[in-house]
C-alpha atoms as a PDB file:
ATOM      1  CA  MET A   1       0.046   0.300  -0.282  1.00  0.00           C
ATOM      2  CA  ALA A   2       1.525   3.488  -0.816  1.00  0.00           C
ATOM      3  CA  GLU A   3       3.196   5.446   1.978  1.00  0.00           C
ATOM      4  CA  LYS A   4       0.803   8.258   3.338  1.00  0.00           C
ATOM      5  CA  LEU A   5       2.830  11.333   2.766  1.00  0.00           C
ATOM      6  CA  SER A   6       2.496  14.703   4.729  1.00  0.00           C
ATOM      7  CA  LYS A   7       4.790  17.701   5.234  1.00  0.00           C
ATOM      8  CA  ASP A   8       6.299  16.033   8.299  1.00  0.00           C
ATOM      9  CA  ASN A   9       7.386  12.599   6.638  1.00  0.00           C
ATOM     10  CA  PHE A  10       7.637  14.143   2.439  1.00  0.00           C
ATOM     11  CA  ARG A  11      11.320  15.172   2.900  1.00  0.00           C
ATOM     12  CA  GLU A  12      12.262  11.720   3.887  1.00  0.00           C
ATOM     13  CA  GLN A  13      10.195   9.631   2.235  1.00  0.00           C
ATOM     14  CA  VAL A  14      10.855  10.883  -1.028  1.00  0.00           C
ATOM     15  CA  THR A  15      13.384  13.987  -1.283  1.00  0.00           C
ATOM     16  CA  GLU A  16      16.047  12.450   0.874  1.00  0.00           C
ATOM     17  CA  ALA A  17      15.171   8.556  -1.039  1.00  0.00           C
ATOM     18  CA  SER A  18      17.050   6.739  -3.066  1.00  0.00           C
ATOM     19  CA  GLY A  19      15.851   5.003  -5.667  1.00  0.00           C
ATOM     20  CA  VAL A  20      12.565   5.717  -7.639  1.00  0.00           C
ATOM     21  CA  VAL A  21       9.459   7.144  -6.156  1.00  0.00           C
ATOM     22  CA  VAL A  22       6.222   7.714  -7.211  1.00  0.00           C
ATOM     23  CA  VAL A  23       3.467  10.603  -5.380  1.00  0.00           C
ATOM     24  CA  ASP A  24      -0.021  10.839  -6.105  1.00  0.00           C
ATOM     25  CA  PHE A  25      -1.038  14.194  -5.196  1.00  0.00           C
ATOM     26  CA  PHE A  26      -4.803  13.872  -4.614  1.00  0.00           C
ATOM     27  CA  SER A  27      -8.011  14.853  -3.463  1.00  0.00           C
ATOM     28  CA  ASP A  28     -10.599  12.492  -1.425  1.00  0.00           C
ATOM     29  CA  SER A  29     -13.601  14.232  -3.134  1.00  0.00           C
ATOM     30  CA  CYS A  30     -11.989  13.729  -7.164  1.00  0.00           C
ATOM     31  CA  ILE A  31     -13.756  11.297  -8.725  1.00  0.00           C
ATOM     32  CA  PRO A  32     -10.427  11.052 -11.405  1.00  0.00           C
ATOM     33  CA  CYS A  33      -8.249  10.347  -8.352  1.00  0.00           C
ATOM     34  CA  LYS A  34     -10.417   7.394  -7.172  1.00  0.00           C
ATOM     35  CA  LYS A  35     -10.234   6.088 -10.424  1.00  0.00           C
ATOM     36  CA  MET A  36      -6.540   6.127 -10.102  1.00  0.00           C
ATOM     37  CA  SER A  37      -6.283   4.440  -6.742  1.00  0.00           C
ATOM     38  CA  PRO A  38      -6.580   0.392  -8.421  1.00  0.00           C
ATOM     39  CA  VAL A  39      -4.026   1.757 -11.132  1.00  0.00           C
ATOM     40  CA  ILE A  40      -1.571   2.836  -8.637  1.00  0.00           C
ATOM     41  CA  ALA A  41      -2.114  -0.854  -6.636  1.00  0.00           C
ATOM     42  CA  GLN A  42      -1.813  -2.544  -9.665  1.00  0.00           C
ATOM     43  CA  LEU A  43       1.543  -0.211 -10.393  1.00  0.00           C
ATOM     44  CA  GLU A  44       2.445  -0.969  -6.552  1.00  0.00           C
ATOM     45  CA  GLU A  45       2.045  -4.870  -7.228  1.00  0.00           C
ATOM     46  CA  GLU A  46       4.315  -4.384 -10.782  1.00  0.00           C
ATOM     47  CA  ASN A  47       6.995  -2.488  -9.566  1.00  0.00           C
ATOM     48  CA  THR A  48       8.166  -3.759  -6.463  1.00  0.00           C
ATOM     49  CA  ASP A  49      11.353  -2.004  -6.452  1.00  0.00           C
ATOM     50  CA  VAL A  50       9.601   1.362  -6.433  1.00  0.00           C
ATOM     51  CA  LYS A  51       8.170   3.440  -4.129  1.00  0.00           C
ATOM     52  CA  PHE A  52       4.676   4.804  -4.126  1.00  0.00           C
ATOM     53  CA  GLY A  53       3.255   7.454  -1.988  1.00  0.00           C
ATOM     54  CA  LYS A  54       0.252   9.500  -1.532  1.00  0.00           C
ATOM     55  CA  LEU A  55      -0.206  12.940  -0.776  1.00  0.00           C
ATOM     56  CA  ASN A  56      -4.101  14.744   0.078  1.00  0.00           C
ATOM     57  CA  VAL A  57      -4.083  18.157  -0.596  1.00  0.00           C
ATOM     58  CA  ASN A  58      -6.952  18.979   1.327  1.00  0.00           C
ATOM     59  CA  PHE A  59      -4.772  18.177   4.305  1.00  0.00           C
ATOM     60  CA  ASP A  60      -0.968  19.588   2.909  1.00  0.00           C
ATOM     61  CA  THR A  61      -1.425  22.658   0.579  1.00  0.00           C
ATOM     62  CA  GLU A  62       1.751  23.771   1.984  1.00  0.00           C
ATOM     63  CA  THR A  63       3.509  20.437   0.202  1.00  0.00           C
ATOM     64  CA  ALA A  64       1.440  20.276  -3.089  1.00  0.00           C
ATOM     65  CA  GLU A  65       1.611  24.200  -3.663  1.00  0.00           C
ATOM     66  CA  LYS A  66       5.775  23.900  -2.761  1.00  0.00           C
ATOM     67  CA  PHE A  67       5.586  21.436  -5.352  1.00  0.00           C
ATOM     68  CA  GLY A  68       3.535  23.420  -8.054  1.00  0.00           C
ATOM     69  CA  VAL A  69       0.787  21.085  -8.139  1.00  0.00           C
ATOM     70  CA  SER A  70      -2.349  23.189  -8.797  1.00  0.00           C
ATOM     71  CA  SER A  71      -4.830  20.143 -10.023  1.00  0.00           C
ATOM     72  CA  VAL A  72      -5.528  16.564  -8.988  1.00  0.00           C
ATOM     73  CA  PRO A  73      -4.824  14.182  -9.412  1.00  0.00           C
ATOM     74  CA  THR A  74      -1.043  14.853 -10.155  1.00  0.00           C
ATOM     75  CA  LEU A  75       1.506  12.256 -10.215  1.00  0.00           C
ATOM     76  CA  VAL A  76       5.164  13.266  -9.375  1.00  0.00           C
ATOM     77  CA  PHE A  77       8.421  11.034 -10.552  1.00  0.00           C
ATOM     78  CA  PHE A  78      10.987  11.022  -8.452  1.00  0.00           C
ATOM     79  CA  LYS A  79      14.693   9.692  -8.747  1.00  0.00           C
ATOM     80  CA  ASN A  80      16.719  10.194  -5.555  1.00  0.00           C
ATOM     81  CA  GLY A  81      15.091  12.792  -4.630  1.00  0.00           C
ATOM     82  CA  LYS A  82      15.008  14.950  -7.810  1.00  0.00           C
ATOM     83  CA  GLU A  83      11.699  15.325  -9.957  1.00  0.00           C
ATOM     84  CA  GLU A  84      12.161  13.397 -13.292  1.00  0.00           C
ATOM     85  CA  ALA A  85       8.939  13.909 -14.727  1.00  0.00           C
ATOM     86  CA  ARG A  86       5.337  14.282 -13.629  1.00  0.00           C
ATOM     87  CA  LEU A  87       1.640  13.361 -15.261  1.00  0.00           C
ATOM     88  CA  THR A  88      -2.181  15.609 -14.456  1.00  0.00           C
ATOM     89  CA  GLY A  89      -4.974  13.902 -14.767  1.00  0.00           C
ATOM     90  CA  ALA A  90      -5.986  10.211 -14.779  1.00  0.00           C
ATOM     91  CA  GLN A  91      -3.529   8.450 -16.787  1.00  0.00           C
ATOM     92  CA  LYS A  92      -3.603   4.616 -18.244  1.00  0.00           C
ATOM     93  CA  ILE A  93      -1.408   2.354 -16.419  1.00  0.00           C
ATOM     94  CA  THR A  94       0.872   2.130 -19.490  1.00  0.00           C
ATOM     95  CA  ALA A  95       1.884   6.029 -19.683  1.00  0.00           C
ATOM     96  CA  ILE A  96       2.611   5.538 -16.049  1.00  0.00           C
ATOM     97  CA  THR A  97       4.377   2.684 -16.558  1.00  0.00           C
ATOM     98  CA  GLU A  98       6.570   3.702 -19.397  1.00  0.00           C
ATOM     99  CA  ILE A  99       7.672   6.634 -17.070  1.00  0.00           C
ATOM    100  CA  ILE A 100       8.818   4.545 -14.770  1.00  0.00           C
ATOM    101  CA  ASN A 101      10.907   2.523 -16.728  1.00  0.00           C
ATOM    102  CA  GLN A 102      12.399   5.401 -18.476  1.00  0.00           C
ATOM    103  CA  ILE A 103      13.753   6.888 -15.074  1.00  0.00           C
ATOM    104  CA  LYS A 104      14.880   3.684 -13.775  1.00  0.00           C
END
């Protein structure tokens, strides 16, 4: 299950982490965000070497703003703490997998 992220653990879990980390910036009230949940779960199963995290923008606007997230869902891909790519809106698993494979 994706790590719950907040301003309290974001640095440790994402920007100071080694390897690939995919952060799902979402909102509980967002229908496309809810559609992404099973996609993220499947990606986690298929990519055991990638860390996944979820940040609810309703509870942590500070971190969302810091990373320029203005709409949800937004997936931000980090490698060794540095942002490498991002996707906004509901995405197909193939598009997300392609980016993961590119930055691994």
